[in-house]
PDB file of N, CA and C in Angstrom:
ATOM      1  N   MET A   1      13.265  22.673 -41.210  1.00  0.00           N
ATOM      2  CA  MET A   1      11.988  23.380 -41.773  1.00  0.00           C
ATOM      3  C   MET A   1      11.870  24.788 -40.973  1.00  0.00           C
ATOM      4  N   LYS A   2      11.770  25.901 -42.324  1.00  0.00           N
ATOM      5  CA  LYS A   2      10.717  27.184 -41.976  1.00  0.00           C
ATOM      6  C   LYS A   2       9.740  27.323 -41.175  1.00  0.00           C
ATOM      7  N   ARG A   3       9.649  28.375 -40.660  1.00  0.00           N
ATOM      8  CA  ARG A   3       8.155  28.330 -39.463  1.00  0.00           C
ATOM      9  C   ARG A   3       7.331  28.535 -41.339  1.00  0.00           C
ATOM     10  N   SER A   4       7.458  29.524 -41.937  1.00  0.00           N
ATOM     11  CA  SER A   4       6.561  30.245 -43.278  1.00  0.00           C
ATOM     12  C   SER A   4       6.281  28.722 -43.528  1.00  0.00           C
ATOM     13  N   GLU A   5       7.568  27.568 -44.086  1.00  0.00           N
ATOM     14  CA  GLU A   5       7.229  26.242 -44.345  1.00  0.00           C
ATOM     15  C   GLU A   5       6.120  25.241 -43.465  1.00  0.00           C
ATOM     16  N   HIS A   6       6.080  25.567 -42.457  1.00  0.00           N
ATOM     17  CA  HIS A   6       5.622  24.275 -41.455  1.00  0.00           C
ATOM     18  C   HIS A   6       4.263  25.193 -41.655  1.00  0.00           C
ATOM     19  N   LEU A   7       3.983  26.178 -42.045  1.00  0.00           N
ATOM     20  CA  LEU A   7       2.290  26.738 -41.773  1.00  0.00           C
ATOM     21  C   LEU A   7       1.764  26.555 -43.176  1.00  0.00           C
ATOM     22  N   LEU A   8       2.960  26.504 -43.854  1.00  0.00           N
ATOM     23  CA  LEU A   8       2.002  26.730 -45.466  1.00  0.00           C
ATOM     24  C   LEU A   8       1.577  24.902 -45.349  1.00  0.00           C
ATOM     25  N   VAL A   9       2.269  24.016 -44.737  1.00  0.00           N
ATOM     26  CA  VAL A   9       2.266  22.925 -44.648  1.00  0.00           C
ATOM     27  C   VAL A   9       0.520  22.112 -44.007  1.00  0.00           C
ATOM     28  N   CYS A  10       0.935  23.437 -42.746  1.00  0.00           N
ATOM     29  CA  CYS A  10      -0.258  23.238 -42.009  1.00  0.00           C
ATOM     30  C   CYS A  10      -1.618  23.543 -43.085  1.00  0.00           C
ATOM     31  N   LEU A  11      -1.284  25.019 -43.562  1.00  0.00           N
ATOM     32  CA  LEU A  11      -2.525  25.061 -44.537  1.00  0.00           C
ATOM     33  C   LEU A  11      -2.853  23.878 -45.776  1.00  0.00           C
ATOM     34  N   MET A  12      -1.970  23.356 -46.070  1.00  0.00           N
ATOM     35  CA  MET A  12      -2.715  22.327 -46.832  1.00  0.00           C
ATOM     36  C   MET A  12      -3.317  20.942 -46.317  1.00  0.00           C
ATOM     37  N   GLU A  13      -2.352  20.430 -45.093  1.00  0.00           N
ATOM     38  CA  GLU A  13      -3.351  19.830 -44.102  1.00  0.00           C
ATOM     39  C   GLU A  13      -5.128  20.415 -44.040  1.00  0.00           C
ATOM     40  N   GLU A  14      -4.809  21.619 -43.695  1.00  0.00           N
ATOM     41  CA  GLU A  14      -6.418  22.174 -43.433  1.00  0.00           C
ATOM     42  C   GLU A  14      -7.461  21.810 -44.427  1.00  0.00           C
ATOM     43  N   CYS A  15      -6.432  22.372 -46.202  1.00  0.00           N
ATOM     44  CA  CYS A  15      -6.837  22.312 -47.158  1.00  0.00           C
ATOM     45  C   CYS A  15      -8.197  20.771 -46.730  1.00  0.00           C
ATOM     46  N   ALA A  16      -6.984  19.911 -47.048  1.00  0.00           N
ATOM     47  CA  ALA A  16      -7.725  18.548 -47.098  1.00  0.00           C
ATOM     48  C   ALA A  16      -8.752  17.827 -45.988  1.00  0.00           C
ATOM     49  N   GLU A  17      -8.441  18.593 -44.813  1.00  0.00           N
ATOM     50  CA  GLU A  17      -9.278  18.047 -43.558  1.00  0.00           C
ATOM     51  C   GLU A  17     -10.676  18.988 -44.491  1.00  0.00           C
ATOM     52  N   VAL A  18     -11.027  20.005 -44.890  1.00  0.00           N
ATOM     53  CA  VAL A  18     -12.365  20.517 -45.802  1.00  0.00           C
ATOM     54  C   VAL A  18     -12.596  19.483 -46.850  1.00  0.00           C
ATOM     55  N   GLN A  19     -11.946  19.102 -47.267  1.00  0.00           N
ATOM     56  CA  GLN A  19     -12.115  17.683 -48.623  1.00  0.00           C
ATOM     57  C   GLN A  19     -12.445  16.805 -47.769  1.00  0.00           C
ATOM     58  N   GLN A  20     -12.247  16.123 -46.576  1.00  0.00           N
ATOM     59  CA  GLN A  20     -12.157  15.096 -45.800  1.00  0.00           C
ATOM     60  C   GLN A  20     -14.283  14.886 -44.860  1.00  0.00           C
ATOM     61  N   ALA A  21     -13.774  16.505 -44.808  1.00  0.00           N
ATOM     62  CA  ALA A  21     -15.546  16.810 -44.365  1.00  0.00           C
ATOM     63  C   ALA A  21     -16.132  16.561 -44.725  1.00  0.00           C
ATOM     64  N   VAL A  22     -15.959  17.321 -46.622  1.00  0.00           N
ATOM     65  CA  VAL A  22     -17.030  17.371 -47.042  1.00  0.00           C
ATOM     66  C   VAL A  22     -17.555  15.925 -48.167  1.00  0.00           C
ATOM     67  N   ALA A  23     -16.245  15.275 -48.148  1.00  0.00           N
ATOM     68  CA  ALA A  23     -16.527  13.626 -48.483  1.00  0.00           C
ATOM     69  C   ALA A  23     -17.270  12.967 -47.852  1.00  0.00           C
ATOM     70  N   LYS A  24     -17.258  13.132 -46.328  1.00  0.00           N
ATOM     71  CA  LYS A  24     -18.099  12.627 -45.646  1.00  0.00           C
ATOM     72  C   LYS A  24     -19.400  12.766 -45.289  1.00  0.00           C
ATOM     73  N   SER A  25     -20.170  14.225 -45.545  1.00  0.00           N
ATOM     74  CA  SER A  25     -21.342  15.018 -45.962  1.00  0.00           C
ATOM     75  C   SER A  25     -21.424  14.286 -46.942  1.00  0.00           C
ATOM     76  N   LEU A  26     -21.087  14.210 -48.109  1.00  0.00           N
ATOM     77  CA  LEU A  26     -21.774  13.358 -49.735  1.00  0.00           C
ATOM     78  C   LEU A  26     -21.843  12.383 -49.417  1.00  0.00           C
ATOM     79  N   ARG A  27     -21.196  11.675 -48.446  1.00  0.00           N
ATOM     80  CA  ARG A  27     -21.386  10.358 -48.440  1.00  0.00           C
ATOM     81  C   ARG A  27     -22.772   9.274 -47.526  1.00  0.00           C
ATOM     82  N   PHE A  28     -22.443  10.165 -46.228  1.00  0.00           N
ATOM     83  CA  PHE A  28     -23.243  10.306 -45.028  1.00  0.00           C
ATOM     84  C   PHE A  28     -24.500  10.832 -44.589  1.00  0.00           C
ATOM     85  N   GLY A  29     -24.445  12.250 -45.315  1.00  0.00           N
ATOM     86  CA  GLY A  29     -25.476  12.961 -45.218  1.00  0.00           C
ATOM     87  C   GLY A  29     -24.687  13.871 -44.333  1.00  0.00           C
ATOM     88  N   LEU A  30     -25.075  15.530 -44.348  1.00  0.00           N
ATOM     89  CA  LEU A  30     -24.970  16.907 -43.130  1.00  0.00           C
ATOM     90  C   LEU A  30     -25.304  16.520 -41.892  1.00  0.00           C
ATOM     91  N   GLU A  31     -26.662  15.655 -41.984  1.00  0.00           N
ATOM     92  CA  GLU A  31     -26.726  15.352 -39.983  1.00  0.00           C
ATOM     93  C   GLU A  31     -26.526  14.160 -39.768  1.00  0.00           C
ATOM     94  N   ASP A  32     -25.422  13.347 -40.505  1.00  0.00           N
ATOM     95  CA  ASP A  32     -24.815  12.914 -40.006  1.00  0.00           C
ATOM     96  C   ASP A  32     -23.883  13.040 -38.895  1.00  0.00           C
ATOM     97  N   HIS A  33     -23.371  12.058 -38.141  1.00  0.00           N
ATOM     98  CA  HIS A  33     -22.124  12.289 -37.363  1.00  0.00           C
ATOM     99  C   HIS A  33     -21.396  10.933 -37.070  1.00  0.00           C
ATOM    100  N   HIS A  34     -19.908  11.197 -37.002  1.00  0.00           N
ATOM    101  CA  HIS A  34     -19.099   9.563 -36.097  1.00  0.00           C
ATOM    102  C   HIS A  34     -19.929   9.238 -34.733  1.00  0.00           C
ATOM    103  N   PRO A  35     -19.918   8.479 -35.167  1.00  0.00           N
ATOM    104  CA  PRO A  35     -20.198   7.135 -33.808  1.00  0.00           C
ATOM    105  C   PRO A  35     -19.656   7.955 -32.000  1.00  0.00           C
ATOM    106  N   GLU A  36     -18.200   7.901 -32.367  1.00  0.00           N
ATOM    107  CA  GLU A  36     -17.736   8.846 -31.033  1.00  0.00           C
ATOM    108  C   GLU A  36     -18.008  10.219 -30.925  1.00  0.00           C
ATOM    109  N   ARG A  37     -18.777  10.872 -31.966  1.00  0.00           N
ATOM    110  CA  ARG A  37     -18.641  11.982 -31.688  1.00  0.00           C
ATOM    111  C   ARG A  37     -20.212  12.956 -31.967  1.00  0.00           C
ATOM    112  N   PRO A  38     -21.636  12.290 -30.960  1.00  0.00           N
ATOM    113  CA  PRO A  38     -22.880  12.696 -32.000  1.00  0.00           C
ATOM    114  C   PRO A  38     -22.949  14.545 -31.666  1.00  0.00           C
ATOM    115  N   ASP A  39     -22.154  15.022 -30.791  1.00  0.00           N
ATOM    116  CA  ASP A  39     -22.970  16.730 -30.818  1.00  0.00           C
ATOM    117  C   ASP A  39     -21.893  17.237 -32.016  1.00  0.00           C
ATOM    118  N   LEU A  40     -20.890  16.580 -32.998  1.00  0.00           N
ATOM    119  CA  LEU A  40     -20.693  17.229 -33.972  1.00  0.00           C
ATOM    120  C   LEU A  40     -21.336  16.578 -35.664  1.00  0.00           C
ATOM    121  N   THR A  41     -22.190  17.001 -36.342  1.00  0.00           N
ATOM    122  CA  THR A  41     -22.811  16.503 -37.302  1.00  0.00           C
ATOM    123  C   THR A  41     -21.588  16.539 -38.399  1.00  0.00           C
ATOM    124  N   ASN A  42     -21.272  16.326 -39.394  1.00  0.00           N
ATOM    125  CA  ASN A  42     -21.051  17.020 -40.847  1.00  0.00           C
ATOM    126  C   ASN A  42     -21.146  18.370 -41.255  1.00  0.00           C
ATOM    127  N   GLU A  43     -22.101  18.542 -41.137  1.00  0.00           N
ATOM    128  CA  GLU A  43     -22.287  19.979 -41.180  1.00  0.00           C
ATOM    129  C   GLU A  43     -21.309  21.172 -40.600  1.00  0.00           C
ATOM    130  N   ALA A  44     -21.478  20.516 -39.285  1.00  0.00           N
ATOM    131  CA  ALA A  44     -20.160  21.662 -38.287  1.00  0.00           C
ATOM    132  C   ALA A  44     -19.246  20.823 -38.105  1.00  0.00           C
ATOM    133  N   GLU A  45     -18.819  19.667 -39.074  1.00  0.00           N
ATOM    134  CA  GLU A  45     -17.380  19.218 -39.362  1.00  0.00           C
ATOM    135  C   GLU A  45     -16.391  20.275 -40.465  1.00  0.00           C
ATOM    136  N   ILE A  46     -17.995  20.600 -41.657  1.00  0.00           N
ATOM    137  CA  ILE A  46     -17.420  20.937 -42.443  1.00  0.00           C
ATOM    138  C   ILE A  46     -17.022  22.645 -41.810  1.00  0.00           C
ATOM    139  N   LEU A  47     -18.514  23.691 -41.392  1.00  0.00           N
ATOM    140  CA  LEU A  47     -18.001  24.389 -40.945  1.00  0.00           C
ATOM    141  C   LEU A  47     -16.562  24.488 -40.178  1.00  0.00           C
ATOM    142  N   THR A  48     -16.265  23.786 -38.877  1.00  0.00           N
ATOM    143  CA  THR A  48     -15.302  23.377 -38.042  1.00  0.00           C
ATOM    144  C   THR A  48     -13.619  23.888 -38.867  1.00  0.00           C
ATOM    145  N   GLU A  49     -13.512  22.578 -39.789  1.00  0.00           N
ATOM    146  CA  GLU A  49     -12.323  22.457 -41.034  1.00  0.00           C
ATOM    147  C   GLU A  49     -12.266  23.555 -41.333  1.00  0.00           C
ATOM    148  N   PHE A  50     -13.662  24.776 -41.541  1.00  0.00           N
ATOM    149  CA  PHE A  50     -13.424  25.780 -42.562  1.00  0.00           C
ATOM    150  C   PHE A  50     -12.641  27.106 -42.001  1.00  0.00           C
ATOM    151  N   TYR A  51     -13.468  26.978 -40.979  1.00  0.00           N
ATOM    152  CA  TYR A  51     -12.507  27.952 -40.446  1.00  0.00           C
ATOM    153  C   TYR A  51     -11.220  27.789 -40.112  1.00  0.00           C
ATOM    154  N   GLN A  52     -11.144  26.445 -39.391  1.00  0.00           N
ATOM    155  CA  GLN A  52      -9.157  26.171 -38.881  1.00  0.00           C
ATOM    156  C   GLN A  52      -8.861  26.759 -40.040  1.00  0.00           C
ATOM    157  N   LEU A  53      -8.877  26.388 -41.500  1.00  0.00           N
ATOM    158  CA  LEU A  53      -8.365  27.114 -42.405  1.00  0.00           C
ATOM    159  C   LEU A  53      -8.427  28.413 -42.808  1.00  0.00           C
ATOM    160  N   VAL A  54      -9.300  29.131 -42.138  1.00  0.00           N
ATOM    161  CA  VAL A  54      -9.341  30.827 -42.730  1.00  0.00           C
ATOM    162  C   VAL A  54      -8.317  30.813 -41.099  1.00  0.00           C
ATOM    163  N   ALA A  55      -8.265  30.405 -39.986  1.00  0.00           N
ATOM    164  CA  ALA A  55      -7.355  31.065 -39.045  1.00  0.00           C
ATOM    165  C   ALA A  55      -5.631  30.960 -39.793  1.00  0.00           C
ATOM    166  N   VAL A  56      -5.851  29.390 -40.148  1.00  0.00           N
ATOM    167  CA  VAL A  56      -4.254  29.319 -40.359  1.00  0.00           C
ATOM    168  C   VAL A  56      -3.756  30.151 -41.801  1.00  0.00           C
ATOM    169  N   MET A  57      -4.917  30.800 -42.743  1.00  0.00           N
ATOM    170  CA  MET A  57      -4.459  32.031 -43.591  1.00  0.00           C
ATOM    171  C   MET A  57      -4.590  33.443 -42.925  1.00  0.00           C
ATOM    172  N   ASP A  58      -5.203  33.520 -41.949  1.00  0.00           N
ATOM    173  CA  ASP A  58      -5.225  34.338 -41.347  1.00  0.00           C
ATOM    174  C   ASP A  58      -4.179  34.781 -41.022  1.00  0.00           C
ATOM    175  N   LEU A  59      -2.944  33.609 -40.545  1.00  0.00           N
ATOM    176  CA  LEU A  59      -2.492  34.527 -39.220  1.00  0.00           C
ATOM    177  C   LEU A  59      -1.243  34.291 -40.987  1.00  0.00           C
ATOM    178  N   LEU A  60      -0.734  33.692 -41.480  1.00  0.00           N
ATOM    179  CA  LEU A  60       0.026  34.093 -42.878  1.00  0.00           C
ATOM    180  C   LEU A  60      -0.085  35.006 -43.427  1.00  0.00           C
ATOM    181  N   GLN A  61      -1.046  35.744 -43.551  1.00  0.00           N
ATOM    182  CA  GLN A  61      -1.671  37.235 -44.024  1.00  0.00           C
ATOM    183  C   GLN A  61      -0.711  37.891 -42.691  1.00  0.00           C
ATOM    184  N   GLU A  62      -1.163  37.765 -41.648  1.00  0.00           N
ATOM    185  CA  GLU A  62      -0.896  38.582 -40.675  1.00  0.00           C
ATOM    186  C   GLU A  62       0.453  38.719 -40.386  1.00  0.00           C
ATOM    187  N   GLU A  63       1.289  37.686 -40.436  1.00  0.00           N
ATOM    188  CA  GLU A  63       2.825  37.867 -40.751  1.00  0.00           C
ATOM    189  C   GLU A  63       3.364  37.792 -41.614  1.00  0.00           C
ATOM    190  N   GLU A  64       2.591  38.288 -42.917  1.00  0.00           N
ATOM    191  CA  GLU A  64       3.116  38.798 -43.892  1.00  0.00           C
ATOM    192  C   GLU A  64       3.693  37.456 -44.782  1.00  0.00           C
ATOM    193  N   MET A  65       3.334  36.788 -44.647  1.00  0.00           N
ATOM    194  CA  MET A  65       4.379  35.351 -45.543  1.00  0.00           C
ATOM    195  C   MET A  65       2.817  35.097 -46.745  1.00  0.00           C
ATOM    196  N   ILE A  66       1.990  35.644 -46.762  1.00  0.00           N
ATOM    197  CA  ILE A  66       1.524  35.299 -48.231  1.00  0.00           C
ATOM    198  C   ILE A  66       0.595  37.182 -47.597  1.00  0.00           C
ATOM    199  N   SER A  67       0.340  37.349 -49.245  1.00  0.00           N
ATOM    200  CA  SER A  67      -0.389  38.881 -49.049  1.00  0.00           C
ATOM    201  C   SER A  67      -1.612  39.068 -48.443  1.00  0.00           C
ATOM    202  N   SER A  68      -2.391  40.565 -47.901  1.00  0.00           N
ATOM    203  CA  SER A  68      -3.740  39.991 -47.821  1.00  0.00           C
ATOM    204  C   SER A  68      -4.076  40.907 -49.185  1.00  0.00           C
ATOM    205  N   LEU A  69      -5.312  40.411 -49.685  1.00  0.00           N
ATOM    206  CA  LEU A  69      -6.506  41.219 -50.766  1.00  0.00           C
ATOM    207  C   LEU A  69      -7.169  42.294 -49.938  1.00  0.00           C
ATOM    208  N   SER A  70      -7.188  43.882 -50.887  1.00  0.00           N
ATOM    209  CA  SER A  70      -8.581  43.911 -50.106  1.00  0.00           C
ATOM    210  C   SER A  70      -9.802  43.897 -50.483  1.00  0.00           C
ATOM    211  N   GLU A  71     -10.680  44.139 -49.248  1.00  0.00           N
ATOM    212  CA  GLU A  71     -12.424  43.729 -49.642  1.00  0.00           C
ATOM    213  C   GLU A  71     -12.679  44.053 -51.065  1.00  0.00           C
ATOM    214  N   VAL A  72     -12.169  44.629 -52.084  1.00  0.00           N
ATOM    215  CA  VAL A  72     -13.059  45.085 -52.980  1.00  0.00           C
ATOM    216  C   VAL A  72     -12.310  43.479 -53.654  1.00  0.00           C
ATOM    217  N   GLU A  73     -10.877  43.485 -53.847  1.00  0.00           N
ATOM    218  CA  GLU A  73     -10.520  41.835 -54.474  1.00  0.00           C
ATOM    219  C   GLU A  73     -11.264  41.133 -54.234  1.00  0.00           C
ATOM    220  N   VAL A  74     -11.242  40.977 -52.707  1.00  0.00           N
ATOM    221  CA  VAL A  74     -12.378  39.633 -51.813  1.00  0.00           C
ATOM    222  C   VAL A  74     -13.355  39.724 -52.519  1.00  0.00           C
ATOM    223  N   GLU A  75     -14.373  40.438 -52.514  1.00  0.00           N
ATOM    224  CA  GLU A  75     -15.496  40.381 -53.829  1.00  0.00           C
ATOM    225  C   GLU A  75     -15.200  40.241 -54.573  1.00  0.00           C
ATOM    226  N   ARG A  76     -14.157  40.775 -55.858  1.00  0.00           N
ATOM    227  CA  ARG A  76     -14.620  40.467 -57.152  1.00  0.00           C
ATOM    228  C   ARG A  76     -13.944  38.950 -57.354  1.00  0.00           C
ATOM    229  N   ILE A  77     -13.054  38.041 -56.052  1.00  0.00           N
ATOM    230  CA  ILE A  77     -12.766  37.382 -56.694  1.00  0.00           C
ATOM    231  C   ILE A  77     -14.054  36.261 -56.620  1.00  0.00           C
ATOM    232  N   LYS A  78     -14.722  36.049 -55.527  1.00  0.00           N
ATOM    233  CA  LYS A  78     -15.988  36.135 -55.424  1.00  0.00           C
ATOM    234  C   LYS A  78     -16.672  35.828 -56.437  1.00  0.00           C
ATOM    235  N   LYS A  79     -17.582  37.062 -56.727  1.00  0.00           N
ATOM    236  CA  LYS A  79     -18.318  37.853 -57.404  1.00  0.00           C
ATOM    237  C   LYS A  79     -17.686  36.638 -59.244  1.00  0.00           C
ATOM    238  N   ARG A  80     -16.291  36.585 -59.029  1.00  0.00           N
ATOM    239  CA  ARG A  80     -16.048  35.599 -60.956  1.00  0.00           C
ATOM    240  C   ARG A  80     -16.168  34.259 -60.298  1.00  0.00           C
ATOM    241  N   LYS A  81     -15.832  33.492 -59.077  1.00  0.00           N
ATOM    242  CA  LYS A  81     -16.122  32.409 -59.126  1.00  0.00           C
ATOM    243  C   LYS A  81     -17.491  31.743 -58.991  1.00  0.00           C
ATOM    244  N   LEU A  82     -18.335  32.625 -57.827  1.00  0.00           N
ATOM    245  CA  LEU A  82     -19.887  32.236 -58.497  1.00  0.00           C
ATOM    246  C   LEU A  82     -21.138  32.310 -60.076  1.00  0.00           C
ATOM    247  N   GLU A  83     -19.918  33.489 -61.109  1.00  0.00           N
ATOM    248  CA  GLU A  83     -20.069  33.035 -61.987  1.00  0.00           C
ATOM    249  C   GLU A  83     -20.068  32.302 -61.925  1.00  0.00           C
ATOM    250  N   LYS A  84     -18.543  31.100 -62.788  1.00  0.00           N
ATOM    251  CA  LYS A  84     -18.312  30.430 -62.909  1.00  0.00           C
ATOM    252  C   LYS A  84     -18.884  29.527 -62.644  1.00  0.00           C
ATOM    253  N   LEU A  85     -19.519  29.657 -61.295  1.00  0.00           N
ATOM    254  CA  LEU A  85     -19.901  28.406 -61.091  1.00  0.00           C
ATOM    255  C   LEU A  85     -21.683  27.684 -61.441  1.00  0.00           C
ATOM    256  N   ASP A  86     -21.694  29.331 -62.124  1.00  0.00           N
ATOM    257  CA  ASP A  86     -23.233  29.218 -62.982  1.00  0.00           C
ATOM    258  C   ASP A  86     -23.340  29.037 -64.321  1.00  0.00           C
ATOM    259  N   GLU A  87     -21.857  29.155 -64.767  1.00  0.00           N
ATOM    260  CA  GLU A  87     -21.478  28.979 -66.324  1.00  0.00           C
ATOM    261  C   GLU A  87     -21.518  27.022 -66.071  1.00  0.00           C
ATOM    262  N   TYR A  88     -20.915  27.016 -65.385  1.00  0.00           N
ATOM    263  CA  TYR A  88     -20.630  25.195 -65.205  1.00  0.00           C
ATOM    264  C   TYR A  88     -21.638  24.275 -64.727  1.00  0.00           C
ATOM    265  N   MET A  89     -22.352  25.121 -64.199  1.00  0.00           N
ATOM    266  CA  MET A  89     -23.750  23.821 -63.723  1.00  0.00           C
ATOM    267  C   MET A  89     -24.794  24.101 -64.478  1.00  0.00           C
ATOM    268  N   GLU A  90     -24.652  25.501 -65.433  1.00  0.00           N
ATOM    269  CA  GLU A  90     -25.517  25.061 -66.310  1.00  0.00           C
ATOM    270  C   GLU A  90     -25.194  24.190 -67.383  1.00  0.00           C
ATOM    271  N   TYR A  91     -24.316  24.358 -67.529  1.00  0.00           N
ATOM    272  CA  TYR A  91     -23.518  23.532 -68.881  1.00  0.00           C
ATOM    273  C   TYR A  91     -23.740  21.850 -68.327  1.00  0.00           C
ATOM    274  N   SER A  92     -23.422  21.700 -66.767  1.00  0.00           N
ATOM    275  CA  SER A  92     -23.849  19.994 -66.278  1.00  0.00           C
ATOM    276  C   SER A  92     -25.447  20.079 -67.091  1.00  0.00           C
ATOM    277  N   ARG A  93     -25.973  20.901 -66.468  1.00  0.00           N
ATOM    278  CA  ARG A  93     -27.469  20.466 -66.974  1.00  0.00           C
ATOM    279  C   ARG A  93     -27.895  20.500 -68.287  1.00  0.00           C
ATOM    280  N   ASN A  94     -27.676  21.216 -69.183  1.00  0.00           N
ATOM    281  CA  ASN A  94     -27.319  21.048 -70.500  1.00  0.00           C
ATOM    282  C   ASN A  94     -27.169  19.754 -71.223  1.00  0.00           C
ATOM    283  N   THR A  95     -25.754  19.396 -70.319  1.00  0.00           N
ATOM    284  CA  THR A  95     -25.752  17.485 -71.092  1.00  0.00           C
ATOM    285  C   THR A  95     -25.982  16.806 -70.031  1.00  0.00           C
ATOM    286  N   CYS A  96     -27.103  17.049 -69.272  1.00  0.00           N
ATOM    287  CA  CYS A  96     -27.996  15.692 -68.696  1.00  0.00           C
ATOM    288  C   CYS A  96     -26.958  15.395 -66.927  1.00  0.00           C
ATOM    289  N   HIS A  97     -26.053  16.005 -67.194  1.00  0.00           N
ATOM    290  CA  HIS A  97     -25.133  15.993 -65.622  1.00  0.00           C
ATOM    291  C   HIS A  97     -25.473  16.117 -63.975  1.00  0.00           C
ATOM    292  N   LEU A  98     -26.666  17.108 -64.818  1.00  0.00           N
ATOM    293  CA  LEU A  98     -26.270  17.818 -63.294  1.00  0.00           C
ATOM    294  C   LEU A  98     -28.686  17.955 -63.193  1.00  0.00           C
ATOM    295  N   ILE A  99     -28.549  17.150 -62.029  1.00  0.00           N
ATOM    296  CA  ILE A  99     -30.309  17.377 -61.611  1.00  0.00           C
ATOM    297  C   ILE A  99     -30.617  18.188 -60.686  1.00  0.00           C
ATOM    298  N   GLU A 100     -31.917  18.460 -60.277  1.00  0.00           N
ATOM    299  CA  GLU A 100     -31.857  19.674 -59.081  1.00  0.00           C
ATOM    300  C   GLU A 100     -32.237  19.085 -58.135  1.00  0.00           C
ATOM    301  N   ASP A 101     -32.100  19.173 -56.596  1.00  0.00           N
ATOM    302  CA  ASP A 101     -32.173  18.974 -55.864  1.00  0.00           C
ATOM    303  C   ASP A 101     -33.472  18.628 -55.508  1.00  0.00           C
TER     304      ASP A 101
END
């Protein structure tokens, strides 16, 4: 396996770890924690896993294995995602599949 492939697998694993941390938070709550790690809440676990994902992505970009985006492009992508979230949350509300907290 080449270094670039290895790092891409690491990126994939970090994505899965974010998913797992979010799933545990949904099942047990953001403030809960693993019995063996009382100092690390599920919320902190999500943040830790997310920033580990960012670290791998940063490395891939620094080594030019994945292109970097300009701040303008990043903000455009984030803005569009937020618009889509609003659009689909409204649809879910209208179909009675989303209730407010």
